[in-house]
Amino acid sequence: MCMTIHDKYIDPFTDFGFKWLFGTEENKALLISFLNDLLDIEDKIVDIEYRNLEKLGLNIIDRKAIFDVFCTDEKNNNFIVELQRSKQKYFKDRSIYYTSFPIQEQSSRGDWDYELKKVYFVGILEFNMIENEHNDNYLTKVQLCNTYTKETFYDKLTYYYIEMPKFKKKEEELSNHLEYWLYMLNNLNNLNKIPQTFKKDKLLNQAFDVAEFLALPKEKQWAYQQDLKARLDYKNVMDYAKEMAKEEGLKEGLKEGLKEGLEKGLEQGLEKGLEKGLKEGEKNKALAIAKNLLKAGVDTDTIVLSTGLSKEEILKIEG
């Protein structure tokens, strides 16, 4: 069944949309521009070669890895670019694991001095990392460093994590070319034309042209529709699960509140009852003593001082 697409541009946070923009030979200039803007490299990337996205372990029983985008430049440096839509507990572990494949691939038989080419991992995340929840920086760069001197220990293995929910800049606030890319990724499927600020940029214009749904070949439109449907279905499932969890949380909270209220009420009731009982017990004891003192002929004033009762209460005993 065919979906009706109302958006002018494809959603870059679908698997199809991301790979169509950054993972195809005909559009590799877009990826080169994005990487050159993002990475702290002196010699800019001139060309890239897309590599096999499926990597197997050293042995047949080893786990495999399937990358979103994997390429090398003219200097044989390696680049893995991953789009991660849903929060994953071990995403950092996964990124470390992924970079182990291009490192292992560089091993040579025979005489080899272990020199390695650089490996870069780029994670574009549609969620905030737990470690950075109190940090407003949308970009995190990670390298091996000397923990005492804080100096970089090894610069051939670098990780970049882009937390897209933290990138909240408006069009007029964009200050560099990387921010142009991030703004486009964040807003592409909600736009109906190229932003005015982008119109003089040839590559960004190309990116908007590439991302236009109606410009896709018919078979690609179908592939995108299926991918978008899967994304929307997943979102609906997650929204429903969150709503149910919220309702369950409210129910549990209400139960706990009632339980705590009853317990607290019972406790307060017991305290008041005990307090009242003690007071009544003390008063009955004082009345009994006053009665005996009256029988013994002790005067009223002395009984008041001895029992703490009032004259009126003692006179009632006499009467």
Protein backbone atom coordinates (compact mmCIF):
# COMPACT_ATOMS: atom_id res chain seq x y z
CA MET A 1 0.00 0.00 0.00
CA CYS A 2 1.44 3.37 -1.02
CA MET A 3 1.77 6.19 1.49
CA THR A 4 0.96 9.79 0.68
CA ILE A 5 4.08 11.91 1.24
CA HIS A 6 3.20 15.48 2.19
CA ASP A 7 6.76 16.67 2.88
CA LYS A 8 8.81 18.14 0.07
CA TYR A 9 12.09 16.69 1.33
CA ILE A 10 12.93 13.24 2.65
CA ASP A 11 13.63 12.65 6.32
CA PRO A 12 17.43 12.34 6.78
CA PHE A 13 16.88 10.39 10.01
CA THR A 14 15.50 7.40 8.13
CA ASP A 15 18.02 4.77 7.04
CA PHE A 16 17.15 5.45 3.42
CA GLY A 17 17.34 9.24 3.74
CA PHE A 18 20.69 9.21 5.55
CA LYS A 19 22.34 6.78 3.14
CA TRP A 20 20.86 8.52 0.10
CA LEU A 21 22.40 11.81 1.17
CA PHE A 22 25.75 10.57 2.47
CA GLY A 23 26.26 6.98 1.36
CA THR A 24 26.06 7.03 -2.44
CA GLU A 25 28.83 7.47 -4.97
CA GLU A 26 26.98 10.17 -6.88
CA ASN A 27 26.51 12.24 -3.70
CA LYS A 28 29.90 11.68 -2.07
CA ALA A 29 30.77 15.39 -2.37
CA LEU A 30 28.14 15.98 0.35
CA LEU A 31 29.82 13.54 2.74
CA ILE A 32 33.28 14.98 1.99
CA SER A 33 32.03 18.48 2.79
CA PHE A 34 30.34 17.33 6.02
CA LEU A 35 33.45 15.45 7.21
CA ASN A 36 35.79 18.33 6.36
CA ASP A 37 33.56 20.68 8.35
CA LEU A 38 33.35 18.34 11.33
CA LEU A 39 36.77 16.76 11.73
CA ASP A 40 39.83 18.54 13.08
CA ILE A 41 42.18 17.59 10.25
CA GLU A 42 44.85 19.77 8.68
CA ASP A 43 44.85 18.07 5.27
CA LYS A 44 41.27 18.20 4.08
CA ILE A 45 39.70 15.17 2.42
CA VAL A 46 39.83 15.41 -1.35
CA ASP A 47 38.20 12.14 -2.35
CA ILE A 48 36.68 9.10 -0.69
CA GLU A 49 36.06 5.50 -1.63
CA TYR A 50 33.03 3.72 -0.21
CA ARG A 51 33.85 0.38 1.37
CA ASN A 52 31.90 -2.77 2.10
CA LEU A 53 29.42 -1.93 4.87
CA GLU A 54 29.41 -5.45 6.32
CA LYS A 55 32.48 -6.44 8.27
CA LEU A 56 33.09 -9.96 9.56
CA GLY A 57 35.22 -10.96 12.53
CA LEU A 58 38.48 -12.81 12.22
CA ASN A 59 36.75 -16.15 12.69
CA ILE A 60 33.49 -17.49 11.30
CA ILE A 61 31.92 -17.47 14.79
CA ASP A 62 32.88 -13.85 15.48
CA ARG A 63 30.19 -11.20 15.46
CA LYS A 64 29.84 -9.04 12.38
CA ALA A 65 29.27 -5.30 12.09
CA ILE A 66 27.11 -3.49 9.55
CA PHE A 67 27.92 0.20 9.16
CA ASP A 68 25.67 2.98 7.85
CA VAL A 69 28.55 4.58 5.97
CA PHE A 70 32.15 3.34 5.76
CA CYS A 71 34.76 4.93 3.52
CA THR A 72 38.46 5.73 3.15
CA ASP A 73 40.13 8.84 1.77
CA GLU A 74 43.07 9.18 -0.60
CA LYS A 75 45.48 8.73 2.34
CA ASN A 76 43.76 5.48 3.40
CA ASN A 77 42.34 7.04 6.55
CA ASN A 78 39.10 5.32 7.63
CA PHE A 79 35.74 6.95 8.36
CA ILE A 80 32.70 5.29 9.92
CA VAL A 81 29.54 7.42 10.04
CA GLU A 82 26.61 6.07 12.07
CA LEU A 83 23.09 7.38 12.49
CA GLN A 84 21.56 6.25 15.79
CA ARG A 85 17.89 7.08 16.25
CA SER A 86 16.99 5.39 19.53
CA LYS A 87 18.86 5.59 22.83
CA GLN A 88 21.10 2.58 23.30
CA LYS A 89 22.65 1.62 26.62
CA TYR A 90 25.95 0.46 25.12
CA PHE A 91 26.30 2.80 22.17
CA LYS A 92 29.79 3.87 23.28
CA ASP A 93 30.81 0.22 23.45
CA ARG A 94 29.34 -0.33 20.02
CA SER A 95 31.31 2.57 18.54
CA ILE A 96 34.55 1.20 20.04
CA TYR A 97 33.70 -2.25 18.68
CA TYR A 98 33.02 -0.86 15.20
CA THR A 99 36.39 0.90 15.01
CA SER A 100 38.14 -2.38 15.78
CA PHE A 101 37.31 -3.67 12.27
CA PRO A 102 39.18 -1.06 10.19
CA ILE A 103 42.08 -1.36 12.66
CA GLN A 104 42.27 -5.13 12.21
CA GLU A 105 42.02 -4.78 8.44
CA GLN A 106 45.30 -2.88 8.40
CA SER A 107 47.33 -5.82 9.73
CA SER A 108 49.83 -7.11 7.17
CA ARG A 109 51.36 -10.51 6.79
CA GLY A 110 55.09 -10.89 6.99
CA ASP A 111 57.31 -8.03 8.04
CA TRP A 112 55.10 -5.26 9.46
CA ASP A 113 56.01 -2.46 11.85
CA TYR A 114 52.41 -2.00 13.16
CA GLU A 115 51.99 1.47 11.71
CA LEU A 116 48.28 2.26 11.44
CA LYS A 117 46.26 4.73 9.42
CA LYS A 118 43.78 6.99 11.21
CA VAL A 119 40.30 5.81 12.10
CA TYR A 120 37.44 8.25 12.70
CA PHE A 121 34.04 7.35 14.11
CA VAL A 122 31.16 9.81 13.72
CA GLY A 123 27.93 9.14 15.61
CA ILE A 124 24.94 11.32 14.72
CA LEU A 125 22.51 10.75 17.60
CA GLU A 126 18.82 11.56 17.78
CA PHE A 127 19.05 11.46 21.59
CA ASN A 128 21.23 12.84 24.38
CA MET A 129 23.93 10.64 25.83
CA ILE A 130 23.44 9.80 29.52
CA GLU A 131 26.98 10.98 30.32
CA ASN A 132 26.25 14.41 28.83
CA GLU A 133 22.78 15.07 30.23
CA HIS A 134 23.99 18.13 32.18
CA ASN A 135 26.15 19.39 29.32
CA ASP A 136 24.70 21.67 26.64
CA ASN A 137 27.47 21.03 24.09
CA TYR A 138 26.03 19.15 21.12
CA LEU A 139 29.47 18.00 19.94
CA THR A 140 31.78 15.66 21.86
CA LYS A 141 35.25 14.71 20.63
CA VAL A 142 37.06 11.77 22.22
CA GLN A 143 40.67 10.59 21.90
CA LEU A 144 43.06 8.55 24.04
CA CYS A 145 44.81 10.92 26.42
CA ASN A 146 47.31 10.92 29.26
CA THR A 147 45.10 11.28 32.33
CA TYR A 148 47.85 13.07 34.27
CA THR A 149 48.95 15.65 31.72
CA LYS A 150 45.60 15.77 29.81
CA GLU A 151 47.63 15.68 26.58
CA THR A 152 46.61 13.54 23.63
CA PHE A 153 48.33 10.16 23.89
CA TYR A 154 47.18 8.75 20.51
CA ASP A 155 45.63 10.84 17.76
CA LYS A 156 44.93 8.12 15.20
CA LEU A 157 41.67 6.98 16.81
CA THR A 158 39.04 9.69 17.22
CA TYR A 159 35.34 9.62 18.06
CA TYR A 160 32.85 12.40 17.37
CA TYR A 161 29.37 12.25 18.92
CA ILE A 162 26.78 14.77 17.73
CA GLU A 163 23.71 14.98 19.99
CA MET A 164 21.13 16.48 17.65
CA PRO A 165 18.47 17.36 20.30
CA LYS A 166 20.99 19.83 21.76
CA PHE A 167 21.43 21.65 18.47
CA LYS A 168 18.68 24.28 18.74
CA LYS A 169 20.06 27.14 16.67
CA LYS A 170 17.76 29.07 14.37
CA GLU A 171 18.69 29.98 10.80
CA GLU A 172 19.84 33.49 11.72
CA GLU A 173 22.07 32.12 14.51
CA LEU A 174 24.19 29.80 12.34
CA SER A 175 27.86 30.74 12.47
CA ASN A 176 29.77 28.14 10.44
CA HIS A 177 29.35 25.59 7.68
CA LEU A 178 29.02 22.61 10.05
CA GLU A 179 26.08 24.32 11.71
CA TYR A 180 24.50 24.74 8.28
CA TRP A 181 24.68 20.96 7.83
CA LEU A 182 23.25 20.28 11.29
CA TYR A 183 20.44 22.78 10.79
CA MET A 184 19.59 21.09 7.49
CA LEU A 185 19.56 17.63 9.08
CA ASN A 186 17.37 18.82 11.96
CA ASN A 187 14.84 20.66 9.81
CA LEU A 188 14.95 19.16 6.32
CA ASN A 189 11.68 17.24 6.30
CA ASN A 190 9.82 20.24 7.80
CA LEU A 191 10.98 22.72 5.15
CA ASN A 192 9.23 23.45 1.88
CA LYS A 193 12.02 25.48 0.30
CA ILE A 194 15.74 26.15 0.64
CA PRO A 195 16.43 28.67 3.44
CA GLN A 196 17.55 32.07 2.16
CA THR A 197 20.91 31.79 3.95
CA PHE A 198 21.73 28.58 2.08
CA LYS A 199 21.02 29.76 -1.45
CA LYS A 200 24.56 30.91 -2.24
CA ASP A 201 26.10 27.61 -1.12
CA LYS A 202 26.46 25.26 -4.08
CA LEU A 203 26.86 22.05 -2.06
CA LEU A 204 23.93 22.74 0.24
CA ASN A 205 21.77 23.54 -2.77
CA GLN A 206 22.83 20.19 -4.20
CA ALA A 207 21.90 18.51 -0.91
CA PHE A 208 18.40 20.00 -1.04
CA ASP A 209 17.99 18.91 -4.67
CA VAL A 210 19.11 15.37 -3.81
CA ALA A 211 16.70 15.26 -0.86
CA GLU A 212 13.61 16.28 -2.84
CA PHE A 213 11.14 13.40 -2.69
CA LEU A 214 9.60 13.91 -6.13
CA ALA A 215 13.09 14.00 -7.69
CA LEU A 216 13.76 10.44 -6.53
CA PRO A 217 13.46 7.59 -9.05
CA LYS A 218 10.16 5.74 -8.63
CA GLU A 219 11.79 2.67 -7.09
CA LYS A 220 13.63 4.91 -4.63
CA GLN A 221 10.40 6.67 -3.69
CA TRP A 222 8.91 3.28 -2.85
CA ALA A 223 11.97 2.30 -0.78
CA TYR A 224 11.79 5.60 1.11
CA GLN A 225 8.06 5.18 1.79
CA GLN A 226 8.65 1.77 3.34
CA ASP A 227 11.51 3.09 5.46
CA LEU A 228 9.48 6.11 6.57
CA LYS A 229 6.55 3.85 7.47
CA ALA A 230 8.88 1.72 9.62
CA ARG A 231 10.19 4.89 11.33
CA LEU A 232 6.68 6.21 12.01
CA ASP A 233 5.50 2.79 13.25
CA TYR A 234 8.47 2.62 15.59
CA LYS A 235 7.76 6.15 16.84
CA ASN A 236 4.10 5.30 17.47
CA VAL A 237 5.05 2.14 19.36
CA MET A 238 7.56 4.07 21.49
CA ASP A 239 5.08 6.92 22.14
CA TYR A 240 2.42 4.38 23.16
CA ALA A 241 4.88 2.56 25.41
CA LYS A 242 5.87 5.86 27.06
CA GLU A 243 2.20 6.80 27.54
CA MET A 244 1.44 3.42 29.09
CA ALA A 245 4.51 3.70 31.31
CA LYS A 246 3.36 7.17 32.35
CA GLU A 247 -0.13 5.88 33.19
CA GLU A 248 1.31 2.93 35.09
CA GLY A 249 3.63 5.33 36.88
CA LEU A 250 0.66 7.51 37.88
CA LYS A 251 -1.27 4.45 39.08
CA GLU A 252 1.67 3.20 41.08
CA GLY A 253 2.26 6.69 42.43
CA LEU A 254 -1.41 6.93 43.49
CA LYS A 255 -1.24 3.52 45.16
CA GLU A 256 1.93 4.44 47.00
CA GLY A 257 0.44 7.81 47.96
CA LEU A 258 -2.73 6.20 49.34
CA LYS A 259 -0.73 3.54 51.13
CA GLU A 260 1.58 6.13 52.64
CA GLY A 261 -1.40 8.33 53.54
CA LEU A 262 -3.21 5.47 55.27
CA GLU A 263 -0.07 4.42 57.10
CA LYS A 264 0.60 7.99 58.14
CA GLY A 265 -3.04 8.48 59.16
CA LEU A 266 -3.04 5.27 61.18
CA GLU A 267 0.20 6.26 62.83
CA GLN A 268 -1.12 9.72 63.69
CA GLY A 269 -4.38 8.18 64.93
CA LEU A 270 -2.53 5.78 67.20
CA GLU A 271 -0.39 8.61 68.53
CA LYS A 272 -3.44 10.75 69.29
CA GLY A 273 -5.30 7.79 70.78
CA LEU A 274 -2.37 6.86 72.97
CA GLU A 275 -1.93 10.46 74.05
CA LYS A 276 -5.63 10.73 74.89
CA GLY A 277 -5.57 7.40 76.70
CA LEU A 278 -2.61 8.40 78.81
CA LYS A 279 -4.22 11.70 79.73
CA GLU A 280 -7.48 10.00 80.68
CA GLY A 281 -5.58 7.37 82.67
CA GLU A 282 -3.66 10.02 84.57
CA LYS A 283 -6.84 11.95 85.31
CA ASN A 284 -8.69 8.85 86.59
CA LYS A 285 -5.71 8.10 88.82
CA ALA A 286 -5.76 11.70 90.16
CA LEU A 287 -9.53 11.45 90.83
CA ALA A 288 -9.06 8.21 92.74
CA ILE A 289 -6.32 9.76 94.88
CA ALA A 290 -8.47 12.88 95.53
CA LYS A 291 -11.37 10.69 96.65
CA ASN A 292 -9.19 8.86 99.17
CA LEU A 293 -7.74 12.14 100.47
CA LEU A 294 -11.26 13.54 100.96
CA LYS A 295 -12.22 10.46 102.98
CA ALA A 296 -9.11 11.02 105.08
CA GLY A 297 -10.29 14.59 105.87
CA VAL A 298 -7.60 16.42 103.86
CA ASP A 299 -8.60 19.95 102.94
CA THR A 300 -9.45 20.92 99.34
CA ASP A 301 -6.46 23.23 98.73
CA THR A 302 -3.99 20.50 99.71
CA ILE A 303 -5.73 18.01 97.41
CA VAL A 304 -5.50 20.53 94.50
CA LEU A 305 -1.74 20.82 95.07
CA SER A 306 -1.31 17.04 95.38
CA THR A 307 -3.35 15.90 92.34
CA GLY A 308 -3.33 18.82 89.91
CA LEU A 309 -7.14 18.72 89.78
CA SER A 310 -9.22 21.87 89.95
CA LYS A 311 -11.41 22.80 92.90
CA GLU A 312 -14.52 22.28 90.75
CA GLU A 313 -13.46 18.70 89.94
CA ILE A 314 -12.84 17.96 93.65
CA LEU A 315 -16.20 19.50 94.66
CA LYS A 316 -17.93 17.18 92.14
CA ILE A 317 -16.34 14.22 93.98
CA GLU A 318 -17.66 15.52 97.30
CA GLY A 319 -21.11 16.04 95.88
